[in-house]
Amino acid sequence: MGIPPTLVGFKQRKWDPSSQLSADEQRAELVAAYIDEDVLDPELLVSPMSRIPTDAEVAEILSPWRPEKLRRIAAAHLASHTESYYILRTHYGGGAADDARLRGWIDDLEGPNFEPPENEWFCVLDDAELFDFGDYWQSVYDALPELAAPKLDRRFIADDIEYARQKAQTMAGCEQPGGEYLEAAILLAAKTQPPWLLVLDKEAFETEELGLILRDKKGNPVKETELAPEEMFTFRGAWERGMLPGSGYWEYGRVGPKYRTRGKIMRQLLPLVRGDPVAQISSSGETAAA
């Protein structure tokens, strides 16, 4: 059936048949809760699932939400450990010319810097019926939350806090760095490892500059920038050599809304990294990534 066990198990546990919400509204709430969960139960990754959904659950909860193709893609995302790019195409108004342009970009990428052709079916999200989101690329999370948060543990842990604190001190050259340095260090600590997300919207096809989204553990944009197709190898090399923080890709990238000075996540993390007395983390040394 191609049903990814993690999200299905989460929905099975949380689904409330007596809820006053419509099925669509409850599905939307559960998807948002799945992405926002700090730590998922490891049992949710057990395959085959400990309890197979009943025909009624499939009919009521799963099938109306997303088709078989998306369920297969979701399962592949959870099983994959790619260290390359995922490509999301959100604009389909350019016809055959844009199709050919995308094909050329993918062909140029093939090799050690991209997934092998046999993985293209889940690494290149190119389907007008499923991904025609225009400028609102994050709408993909409603149908494919596994793309936002594929890991079980999505927390900003004590090690991340300490890394950000030391990084800020190094950048400022003092023990008590100011807010500007602390915020810059938090961005560096929050960005996750690959796969990186490339978004192909209308502007990307017009300018031939792809949207590069550097995200946190819950899929929130930390920084967004543009990347010409021929720069994909350069960007990857900068990352692998630890040179991304000083590169133009990072320095001139736009900070994601939740990571701006008054953004929700920055307001949560800044007191922790600054070491404010009122800022507390759990006894296990962890805090949510938000």
C-alpha atoms as a PDB file:
ATOM      1  CA  MET A   1       0.000   0.000   0.000  1.00  0.00           C
ATOM      2  CA  GLY A   2       3.031   2.297   0.304  1.00  0.00           C
ATOM      3  CA  ILE A   3       1.959   3.791   3.635  1.00  0.00           C
ATOM      4  CA  PRO A   4       4.829   5.369   5.625  1.00  0.00           C
ATOM      5  CA  PRO A   5       4.605   3.894   9.143  1.00  0.00           C
ATOM      6  CA  THR A   6       5.701   6.984  11.086  1.00  0.00           C
ATOM      7  CA  LEU A   7       2.895   9.345  10.145  1.00  0.00           C
ATOM      8  CA  VAL A   8       0.281   6.619   9.949  1.00  0.00           C
ATOM      9  CA  GLY A   9       1.087   5.437  13.462  1.00  0.00           C
ATOM     10  CA  PHE A  10       1.022   9.031  14.703  1.00  0.00           C
ATOM     11  CA  LYS A  11      -2.396   9.575  13.158  1.00  0.00           C
ATOM     12  CA  GLN A  12      -3.728   6.284  14.462  1.00  0.00           C
ATOM     13  CA  ARG A  13      -2.782   7.289  18.000  1.00  0.00           C
ATOM     14  CA  LYS A  14      -4.101  10.840  17.759  1.00  0.00           C
ATOM     15  CA  TRP A  15      -7.192  10.432  15.565  1.00  0.00           C
ATOM     16  CA  ASP A  16     -10.400  11.144  17.481  1.00  0.00           C
ATOM     17  CA  PRO A  17     -13.512   9.670  15.838  1.00  0.00           C
ATOM     18  CA  SER A  18     -15.689  11.687  18.232  1.00  0.00           C
ATOM     19  CA  SER A  19     -14.060  15.028  17.354  1.00  0.00           C
ATOM     20  CA  GLN A  20     -16.340  17.888  16.345  1.00  0.00           C
ATOM     21  CA  LEU A  21     -13.847  18.798  13.625  1.00  0.00           C
ATOM     22  CA  SER A  22     -14.391  17.631  10.085  1.00  0.00           C
ATOM     23  CA  ALA A  23     -12.098  14.886   8.816  1.00  0.00           C
ATOM     24  CA  ASP A  24     -10.163  17.440   6.728  1.00  0.00           C
ATOM     25  CA  GLU A  25      -9.769  19.784   9.700  1.00  0.00           C
ATOM     26  CA  GLN A  26      -8.597  16.994  11.984  1.00  0.00           C
ATOM     27  CA  ARG A  27      -6.121  15.743   9.374  1.00  0.00           C
ATOM     28  CA  ALA A  28      -4.703  19.266   9.029  1.00  0.00           C
ATOM     29  CA  GLU A  29      -4.302  19.577  12.802  1.00  0.00           C
ATOM     30  CA  LEU A  30      -2.573  16.201  13.038  1.00  0.00           C
ATOM     31  CA  VAL A  31      -0.158  17.032  10.222  1.00  0.00           C
ATOM     32  CA  ALA A  32       0.801  20.277  11.977  1.00  0.00           C
ATOM     33  CA  ALA A  33       1.179  18.404  15.275  1.00  0.00           C
ATOM     34  CA  TYR A  34       3.349  15.760  13.619  1.00  0.00           C
ATOM     35  CA  ILE A  35       5.763  18.389  12.301  1.00  0.00           C
ATOM     36  CA  ASP A  36       5.806  20.246  15.616  1.00  0.00           C
ATOM     37  CA  GLU A  37       6.400  17.156  17.765  1.00  0.00           C
ATOM     38  CA  ASP A  38       9.785  17.439  19.469  1.00  0.00           C
ATOM     39  CA  VAL A  39      10.522  13.708  19.649  1.00  0.00           C
ATOM     40  CA  LEU A  40       8.567  10.964  17.916  1.00  0.00           C
ATOM     41  CA  ASP A  41       8.240   7.531  19.462  1.00  0.00           C
ATOM     42  CA  PRO A  42      10.835   5.232  17.793  1.00  0.00           C
ATOM     43  CA  GLU A  43       8.154   2.557  17.547  1.00  0.00           C
ATOM     44  CA  LEU A  44       6.545   4.662  14.851  1.00  0.00           C
ATOM     45  CA  LEU A  45       9.432   3.759  12.538  1.00  0.00           C
ATOM     46  CA  VAL A  46       8.974   0.018  12.938  1.00  0.00           C
ATOM     47  CA  SER A  47       8.284  -1.587   9.588  1.00  0.00           C
ATOM     48  CA  PRO A  48       6.128  -3.514   9.091  1.00  0.00           C
ATOM     49  CA  MET A  49       3.862  -1.537  11.386  1.00  0.00           C
ATOM     50  CA  SER A  50       2.901  -3.148  14.686  1.00  0.00           C
ATOM     51  CA  ARG A  51      -0.728  -2.529  13.743  1.00  0.00           C
ATOM     52  CA  ILE A  52      -1.771  -2.333  10.110  1.00  0.00           C
ATOM     53  CA  PRO A  53      -4.459   0.296   9.460  1.00  0.00           C
ATOM     54  CA  THR A  54      -7.895  -1.153   9.040  1.00  0.00           C
ATOM     55  CA  ASP A  55      -9.777  -0.706   5.792  1.00  0.00           C
ATOM     56  CA  ALA A  56     -11.995   1.813   7.554  1.00  0.00           C
ATOM     57  CA  GLU A  57      -8.987   3.838   8.780  1.00  0.00           C
ATOM     58  CA  VAL A  58      -7.469   3.862   5.317  1.00  0.00           C
ATOM     59  CA  ALA A  59     -10.767   4.972   3.821  1.00  0.00           C
ATOM     60  CA  GLU A  60     -11.480   7.668   6.427  1.00  0.00           C
ATOM     61  CA  ILE A  61      -8.040   8.969   7.412  1.00  0.00           C
ATOM     62  CA  LEU A  62      -5.441   8.179   4.763  1.00  0.00           C
ATOM     63  CA  SER A  63      -6.824   7.823   1.252  1.00  0.00           C
ATOM     64  CA  PRO A  64      -8.787  11.117   1.206  1.00  0.00           C
ATOM     65  CA  TRP A  65      -5.660  12.972   2.328  1.00  0.00           C
ATOM     66  CA  ARG A  66      -3.106  11.960  -0.257  1.00  0.00           C
ATOM     67  CA  PRO A  67      -2.865   9.553  -3.187  1.00  0.00           C
ATOM     68  CA  GLU A  68      -0.739   6.433  -3.435  1.00  0.00           C
ATOM     69  CA  LYS A  69       2.050   8.272  -5.267  1.00  0.00           C
ATOM     70  CA  LEU A  70       2.540  10.706  -2.379  1.00  0.00           C
ATOM     71  CA  ARG A  71       2.449   7.893   0.171  1.00  0.00           C
ATOM     72  CA  ARG A  72       5.220   6.099  -1.706  1.00  0.00           C
ATOM     73  CA  ILE A  73       7.292   9.291  -1.893  1.00  0.00           C
ATOM     74  CA  ALA A  74       6.787   9.863   1.837  1.00  0.00           C
ATOM     75  CA  ALA A  75       7.942   6.346   2.669  1.00  0.00           C
ATOM     76  CA  ALA A  76      11.051   6.816   0.504  1.00  0.00           C
ATOM     77  CA  HIS A  77      11.882  10.108   2.245  1.00  0.00           C
ATOM     78  CA  LEU A  78      11.823   8.403   5.621  1.00  0.00           C
ATOM     79  CA  ALA A  79      14.029   5.555   4.433  1.00  0.00           C
ATOM     80  CA  SER A  80      16.501   7.706   2.487  1.00  0.00           C
ATOM     81  CA  HIS A  81      19.750   9.069   3.910  1.00  0.00           C
ATOM     82  CA  THR A  82      20.621  11.302   0.980  1.00  0.00           C
ATOM     83  CA  GLU A  83      23.273  13.985   1.384  1.00  0.00           C
ATOM     84  CA  SER A  84      22.325  15.872  -1.733  1.00  0.00           C
ATOM     85  CA  TYR A  85      19.421  18.022  -2.944  1.00  0.00           C
ATOM     86  CA  TYR A  86      15.676  17.607  -3.031  1.00  0.00           C
ATOM     87  CA  ILE A  87      14.025  19.560  -5.827  1.00  0.00           C
ATOM     88  CA  LEU A  88      10.487  20.925  -5.458  1.00  0.00           C
ATOM     89  CA  ARG A  89       8.873  22.400  -8.560  1.00  0.00           C
ATOM     90  CA  THR A  90       5.947  24.694  -7.703  1.00  0.00           C
ATOM     91  CA  HIS A  91       5.361  26.422 -11.079  1.00  0.00           C
ATOM     92  CA  TYR A  92       3.919  24.664 -14.130  1.00  0.00           C
ATOM     93  CA  GLY A  93       2.833  27.495 -16.416  1.00  0.00           C
ATOM     94  CA  GLY A  94       5.895  27.444 -18.671  1.00  0.00           C
ATOM     95  CA  GLY A  95       4.982  24.414 -20.704  1.00  0.00           C
ATOM     96  CA  ALA A  96       7.495  22.277 -22.581  1.00  0.00           C
ATOM     97  CA  ALA A  97      10.230  24.925 -22.375  1.00  0.00           C
ATOM     98  CA  ASP A  98      10.291  24.771 -18.577  1.00  0.00           C
ATOM     99  CA  ASP A  99      10.102  20.980 -18.659  1.00  0.00           C
ATOM    100  CA  ALA A 100      13.210  20.895 -20.856  1.00  0.00           C
ATOM    101  CA  ARG A 101      14.989  23.459 -18.687  1.00  0.00           C
ATOM    102  CA  LEU A 102      14.377  21.380 -15.554  1.00  0.00           C
ATOM    103  CA  ARG A 103      15.518  18.237 -17.320  1.00  0.00           C
ATOM    104  CA  GLY A 104      18.748  19.949 -18.281  1.00  0.00           C
ATOM    105  CA  TRP A 105      19.409  21.103 -14.731  1.00  0.00           C
ATOM    106  CA  ILE A 106      18.863  17.599 -13.381  1.00  0.00           C
ATOM    107  CA  ASP A 107      21.066  16.043 -16.038  1.00  0.00           C
ATOM    108  CA  ASP A 108      23.826  18.524 -15.205  1.00  0.00           C
ATOM    109  CA  LEU A 109      23.569  17.557 -11.539  1.00  0.00           C
ATOM    110  CA  GLU A 110      23.774  13.807 -11.995  1.00  0.00           C
ATOM    111  CA  GLY A 111      26.889  12.262 -10.557  1.00  0.00           C
ATOM    112  CA  PRO A 112      28.420  12.221  -7.056  1.00  0.00           C
ATOM    113  CA  ASN A 113      26.749  15.540  -6.180  1.00  0.00           C
ATOM    114  CA  PHE A 114      23.200  14.341  -6.753  1.00  0.00           C
ATOM    115  CA  GLU A 115      21.053  11.284  -6.267  1.00  0.00           C
ATOM    116  CA  PRO A 116      21.347   8.476  -8.827  1.00  0.00           C
ATOM    117  CA  PRO A 117      18.661   8.468 -11.553  1.00  0.00           C
ATOM    118  CA  GLU A 118      16.784   5.612  -9.883  1.00  0.00           C
ATOM    119  CA  ASN A 119      16.050   7.899  -6.895  1.00  0.00           C
ATOM    120  CA  GLU A 120      14.768  10.778  -8.995  1.00  0.00           C
ATOM    121  CA  TRP A 121      11.154   9.712  -8.532  1.00  0.00           C
ATOM    122  CA  PHE A 122      11.179  10.831  -4.888  1.00  0.00           C
ATOM    123  CA  CYS A 123      14.012  13.423  -4.872  1.00  0.00           C
ATOM    124  CA  VAL A 124      12.534  15.520  -7.701  1.00  0.00           C
ATOM    125  CA  LEU A 125       8.994  16.564  -6.806  1.00  0.00           C
ATOM    126  CA  ASP A 126       7.677  17.454 -10.242  1.00  0.00           C
ATOM    127  CA  ASP A 127       3.940  16.883 -10.681  1.00  0.00           C
ATOM    128  CA  ALA A 128       1.461  19.631 -11.520  1.00  0.00           C
ATOM    129  CA  GLU A 129      -1.402  17.774  -9.866  1.00  0.00           C
ATOM    130  CA  LEU A 130       0.447  17.441  -6.562  1.00  0.00           C
ATOM    131  CA  PHE A 131       2.897  20.342  -6.247  1.00  0.00           C
ATOM    132  CA  ASP A 132       1.427  23.362  -8.063  1.00  0.00           C
ATOM    133  CA  PHE A 133       1.860  25.706  -5.083  1.00  0.00           C
ATOM    134  CA  GLY A 134       3.091  28.822  -6.878  1.00  0.00           C
ATOM    135  CA  ASP A 135       4.931  31.108  -4.454  1.00  0.00           C
ATOM    136  CA  TYR A 136       3.761  29.159  -1.381  1.00  0.00           C
ATOM    137  CA  TRP A 137       6.281  26.342  -1.398  1.00  0.00           C
ATOM    138  CA  GLN A 138       5.719  25.449   2.257  1.00  0.00           C
ATOM    139  CA  SER A 139       2.258  24.184   1.291  1.00  0.00           C
ATOM    140  CA  VAL A 140       4.077  20.987   0.350  1.00  0.00           C
ATOM    141  CA  TYR A 141       4.308  20.200   4.064  1.00  0.00           C
ATOM    142  CA  ASP A 142       0.508  19.828   4.235  1.00  0.00           C
ATOM    143  CA  ALA A 143       0.722  16.854   1.888  1.00  0.00           C
ATOM    144  CA  LEU A 144       4.267  15.697   2.627  1.00  0.00           C
ATOM    145  CA  PRO A 145       5.167  16.547   6.248  1.00  0.00           C
ATOM    146  CA  GLU A 146       7.938  13.951   6.070  1.00  0.00           C
ATOM    147  CA  LEU A 147       9.818  16.435   3.878  1.00  0.00           C
ATOM    148  CA  ALA A 148       9.677  18.991   6.697  1.00  0.00           C
ATOM    149  CA  ALA A 149      10.699  16.767   9.579  1.00  0.00           C
ATOM    150  CA  PRO A 150      12.031  13.354   8.553  1.00  0.00           C
ATOM    151  CA  LYS A 151      13.899  12.684  11.810  1.00  0.00           C
ATOM    152  CA  LEU A 152      12.485  11.367  15.069  1.00  0.00           C
ATOM    153  CA  ASP A 153      14.325  13.934  17.227  1.00  0.00           C
ATOM    154  CA  ARG A 154      13.780  17.570  16.200  1.00  0.00           C
ATOM    155  CA  ARG A 155      15.003  19.353  19.365  1.00  0.00           C
ATOM    156  CA  PHE A 156      17.487  22.188  19.751  1.00  0.00           C
ATOM    157  CA  ILE A 157      19.512  20.414  22.419  1.00  0.00           C
ATOM    158  CA  ALA A 158      22.016  21.557  25.028  1.00  0.00           C
ATOM    159  CA  ASP A 159      24.907  20.835  22.663  1.00  0.00           C
ATOM    160  CA  ASP A 160      23.360  23.204  20.120  1.00  0.00           C
ATOM    161  CA  ILE A 161      23.032  25.903  22.750  1.00  0.00           C
ATOM    162  CA  GLU A 162      26.658  25.513  23.796  1.00  0.00           C
ATOM    163  CA  TYR A 163      27.828  25.518  20.167  1.00  0.00           C
ATOM    164  CA  ALA A 164      25.919  28.747  19.502  1.00  0.00           C
ATOM    165  CA  ARG A 165      27.273  30.353  22.674  1.00  0.00           C
ATOM    166  CA  GLN A 166      30.887  29.514  21.848  1.00  0.00           C
ATOM    167  CA  LYS A 167      30.442  30.545  18.221  1.00  0.00           C
ATOM    168  CA  ALA A 168      29.054  33.922  19.278  1.00  0.00           C
ATOM    169  CA  GLN A 169      31.973  34.447  21.673  1.00  0.00           C
ATOM    170  CA  THR A 170      34.451  33.631  18.914  1.00  0.00           C
ATOM    171  CA  MET A 171      32.792  36.002  16.441  1.00  0.00           C
ATOM    172  CA  ALA A 172      32.582  38.810  19.000  1.00  0.00           C
ATOM    173  CA  GLY A 173      36.015  38.205  20.497  1.00  0.00           C
ATOM    174  CA  CYS A 174      34.661  38.441  24.044  1.00  0.00           C
ATOM    175  CA  GLU A 175      32.895  36.435  26.728  1.00  0.00           C
ATOM    176  CA  GLN A 176      29.681  38.471  26.614  1.00  0.00           C
ATOM    177  CA  PRO A 177      28.729  38.844  22.930  1.00  0.00           C
ATOM    178  CA  GLY A 178      25.931  41.173  21.931  1.00  0.00           C
ATOM    179  CA  GLY A 179      22.623  40.171  20.454  1.00  0.00           C
ATOM    180  CA  GLU A 180      23.795  40.480  16.861  1.00  0.00           C
ATOM    181  CA  TYR A 181      26.480  37.840  17.384  1.00  0.00           C
ATOM    182  CA  LEU A 182      24.184  35.590  19.382  1.00  0.00           C
ATOM    183  CA  GLU A 183      21.532  35.653  16.674  1.00  0.00           C
ATOM    184  CA  ALA A 184      24.098  34.927  13.956  1.00  0.00           C
ATOM    185  CA  ALA A 185      25.393  31.971  15.970  1.00  0.00           C
ATOM    186  CA  ILE A 186      21.891  30.612  16.566  1.00  0.00           C
ATOM    187  CA  LEU A 187      21.291  30.559  12.815  1.00  0.00           C
ATOM    188  CA  LEU A 188      24.441  28.515  12.329  1.00  0.00           C
ATOM    189  CA  ALA A 189      23.450  26.089  15.077  1.00  0.00           C
ATOM    190  CA  ALA A 190      19.902  25.697  13.781  1.00  0.00           C
ATOM    191  CA  LYS A 191      20.664  24.800  10.173  1.00  0.00           C
ATOM    192  CA  THR A 192      20.551  21.077   9.585  1.00  0.00           C
ATOM    193  CA  GLN A 193      22.608  18.752   7.458  1.00  0.00           C
ATOM    194  CA  PRO A 194      21.570  17.903   3.901  1.00  0.00           C
ATOM    195  CA  PRO A 195      19.422  17.121   1.988  1.00  0.00           C
ATOM    196  CA  TRP A 196      18.980  20.734   0.944  1.00  0.00           C
ATOM    197  CA  LEU A 197      15.753  21.904  -0.631  1.00  0.00           C
ATOM    198  CA  LEU A 198      15.755  23.620  -4.018  1.00  0.00           C
ATOM    199  CA  VAL A 199      12.489  25.367  -4.895  1.00  0.00           C
ATOM    200  CA  LEU A 200      11.638  26.020  -8.539  1.00  0.00           C
ATOM    201  CA  ASP A 201       8.911  28.666  -8.650  1.00  0.00           C
ATOM    202  CA  LYS A 202       8.039  31.018 -11.492  1.00  0.00           C
ATOM    203  CA  GLU A 203      10.898  33.372 -10.678  1.00  0.00           C
ATOM    204  CA  ALA A 204      13.386  30.494 -10.707  1.00  0.00           C
ATOM    205  CA  PHE A 205      12.444  29.550 -14.264  1.00  0.00           C
ATOM    206  CA  GLU A 206      12.545  33.187 -15.381  1.00  0.00           C
ATOM    207  CA  THR A 207      15.910  34.019 -13.811  1.00  0.00           C
ATOM    208  CA  GLU A 208      17.449  30.524 -13.883  1.00  0.00           C
ATOM    209  CA  GLU A 209      18.316  30.940 -10.208  1.00  0.00           C
ATOM    210  CA  LEU A 210      16.928  28.226  -7.977  1.00  0.00           C
ATOM    211  CA  GLY A 211      15.595  28.942  -4.509  1.00  0.00           C
ATOM    212  CA  LEU A 212      17.876  27.329  -1.922  1.00  0.00           C
ATOM    213  CA  ILE A 213      16.213  26.764   1.460  1.00  0.00           C
ATOM    214  CA  LEU A 214      18.424  25.995   4.466  1.00  0.00           C
ATOM    215  CA  ARG A 215      16.089  24.587   7.107  1.00  0.00           C
ATOM    216  CA  ASP A 216      15.981  23.525  10.741  1.00  0.00           C
ATOM    217  CA  LYS A 217      14.919  20.129  12.096  1.00  0.00           C
ATOM    218  CA  LYS A 218      11.236  20.948  11.660  1.00  0.00           C
ATOM    219  CA  GLY A 219      11.504  22.304   8.146  1.00  0.00           C
ATOM    220  CA  ASN A 220      11.418  25.989   9.107  1.00  0.00           C
ATOM    221  CA  PRO A 221      13.549  28.167   6.821  1.00  0.00           C
ATOM    222  CA  VAL A 222      16.665  29.368   8.631  1.00  0.00           C
ATOM    223  CA  LYS A 223      18.030  31.151   5.569  1.00  0.00           C
ATOM    224  CA  GLU A 224      16.881  31.419   1.965  1.00  0.00           C
ATOM    225  CA  THR A 225      18.988  32.368  -1.010  1.00  0.00           C
ATOM    226  CA  GLU A 226      19.326  31.749  -4.744  1.00  0.00           C
ATOM    227  CA  LEU A 227      21.636  29.348  -6.496  1.00  0.00           C
ATOM    228  CA  ALA A 228      22.432  29.188 -10.201  1.00  0.00           C
ATOM    229  CA  PRO A 229      22.403  25.589 -11.472  1.00  0.00           C
ATOM    230  CA  GLU A 230      26.121  25.698 -12.236  1.00  0.00           C
ATOM    231  CA  GLU A 231      26.807  26.735  -8.617  1.00  0.00           C
ATOM    232  CA  MET A 232      25.353  23.599  -7.061  1.00  0.00           C
ATOM    233  CA  PHE A 233      28.737  21.885  -6.960  1.00  0.00           C
ATOM    234  CA  THR A 234      30.378  25.028  -5.542  1.00  0.00           C
ATOM    235  CA  PHE A 235      27.811  25.264  -2.771  1.00  0.00           C
ATOM    236  CA  ARG A 236      28.202  21.619  -1.847  1.00  0.00           C
ATOM    237  CA  GLY A 237      31.982  22.010  -1.763  1.00  0.00           C
ATOM    238  CA  ALA A 238      31.715  25.037   0.533  1.00  0.00           C
ATOM    239  CA  TRP A 239      29.526  23.012   2.888  1.00  0.00           C
ATOM    240  CA  GLU A 240      31.826  19.989   2.931  1.00  0.00           C
ATOM    241  CA  ARG A 241      34.896  22.136   3.645  1.00  0.00           C
ATOM    242  CA  GLY A 242      33.155  23.978   6.474  1.00  0.00           C
ATOM    243  CA  MET A 243      33.276  27.237   4.518  1.00  0.00           C
ATOM    244  CA  LEU A 244      29.535  27.864   4.193  1.00  0.00           C
ATOM    245  CA  PRO A 245      29.297  30.434   7.054  1.00  0.00           C
ATOM    246  CA  GLY A 246      31.730  32.783   5.281  1.00  0.00           C
ATOM    247  CA  SER A 247      30.271  32.293   1.824  1.00  0.00           C
ATOM    248  CA  GLY A 248      27.923  34.598  -0.018  1.00  0.00           C
ATOM    249  CA  TYR A 249      25.286  31.868   0.007  1.00  0.00           C
ATOM    250  CA  TRP A 250      25.057  32.256   3.774  1.00  0.00           C
ATOM    251  CA  GLU A 251      26.088  35.862   4.376  1.00  0.00           C
ATOM    252  CA  TYR A 252      23.631  37.335   1.869  1.00  0.00           C
ATOM    253  CA  GLY A 253      20.819  34.867   2.469  1.00  0.00           C
ATOM    254  CA  ARG A 254      17.497  36.096   3.813  1.00  0.00           C
ATOM    255  CA  VAL A 255      16.745  35.053   7.381  1.00  0.00           C
ATOM    256  CA  GLY A 256      13.585  32.966   7.720  1.00  0.00           C
ATOM    257  CA  PRO A 257      10.615  34.669   9.437  1.00  0.00           C
ATOM    258  CA  LYS A 258      10.779  32.584  12.629  1.00  0.00           C
ATOM    259  CA  TYR A 259      14.513  33.227  12.977  1.00  0.00           C
ATOM    260  CA  ARG A 260      14.417  37.003  12.668  1.00  0.00           C
ATOM    261  CA  THR A 261      15.025  39.122  15.779  1.00  0.00           C
ATOM    262  CA  ARG A 262      11.357  39.147  16.736  1.00  0.00           C
ATOM    263  CA  GLY A 263      10.581  35.739  15.241  1.00  0.00           C
ATOM    264  CA  LYS A 264       9.000  32.994  17.331  1.00  0.00           C
ATOM    265  CA  ILE A 265      11.994  30.652  17.394  1.00  0.00           C
ATOM    266  CA  MET A 266      14.629  33.356  17.843  1.00  0.00           C
ATOM    267  CA  ARG A 267      12.717  34.754  20.836  1.00  0.00           C
ATOM    268  CA  GLN A 268      12.732  31.273  22.384  1.00  0.00           C
ATOM    269  CA  LEU A 269      16.367  30.439  21.729  1.00  0.00           C
ATOM    270  CA  LEU A 270      18.080  33.766  22.348  1.00  0.00           C
ATOM    271  CA  PRO A 271      17.597  33.764  26.157  1.00  0.00           C
ATOM    272  CA  LEU A 272      18.884  30.177  26.323  1.00  0.00           C
ATOM    273  CA  VAL A 273      22.045  30.922  24.387  1.00  0.00           C
ATOM    274  CA  ARG A 274      22.545  34.188  26.242  1.00  0.00           C
ATOM    275  CA  GLY A 275      22.239  32.287  29.533  1.00  0.00           C
ATOM    276  CA  ASP A 276      19.445  34.349  31.054  1.00  0.00           C
ATOM    277  CA  PRO A 277      18.584  33.080  34.562  1.00  0.00           C
ATOM    278  CA  VAL A 278      14.895  32.778  33.644  1.00  0.00           C
ATOM    279  CA  ALA A 279      15.661  30.646  30.605  1.00  0.00           C
ATOM    280  CA  GLN A 280      15.330  27.005  31.570  1.00  0.00           C
ATOM    281  CA  ILE A 281      15.881  23.763  29.765  1.00  0.00           C
ATOM    282  CA  SER A 282      14.762  20.352  30.945  1.00  0.00           C
ATOM    283  CA  SER A 283      16.734  18.270  33.390  1.00  0.00           C
ATOM    284  CA  SER A 284      17.901  16.155  30.429  1.00  0.00           C
ATOM    285  CA  GLY A 285      19.467  19.237  28.879  1.00  0.00           C
ATOM    286  CA  GLU A 286      17.058  19.643  25.990  1.00  0.00           C
ATOM    287  CA  THR A 287      14.692  22.255  24.653  1.00  0.00           C
ATOM    288  CA  ALA A 288      12.313  22.288  21.740  1.00  0.00           C
ATOM    289  CA  ALA A 289      13.388  23.412  18.297  1.00  0.00           C
ATOM    290  CA  ALA A 290       9.995  25.166  17.987  1.00  0.00           C
END
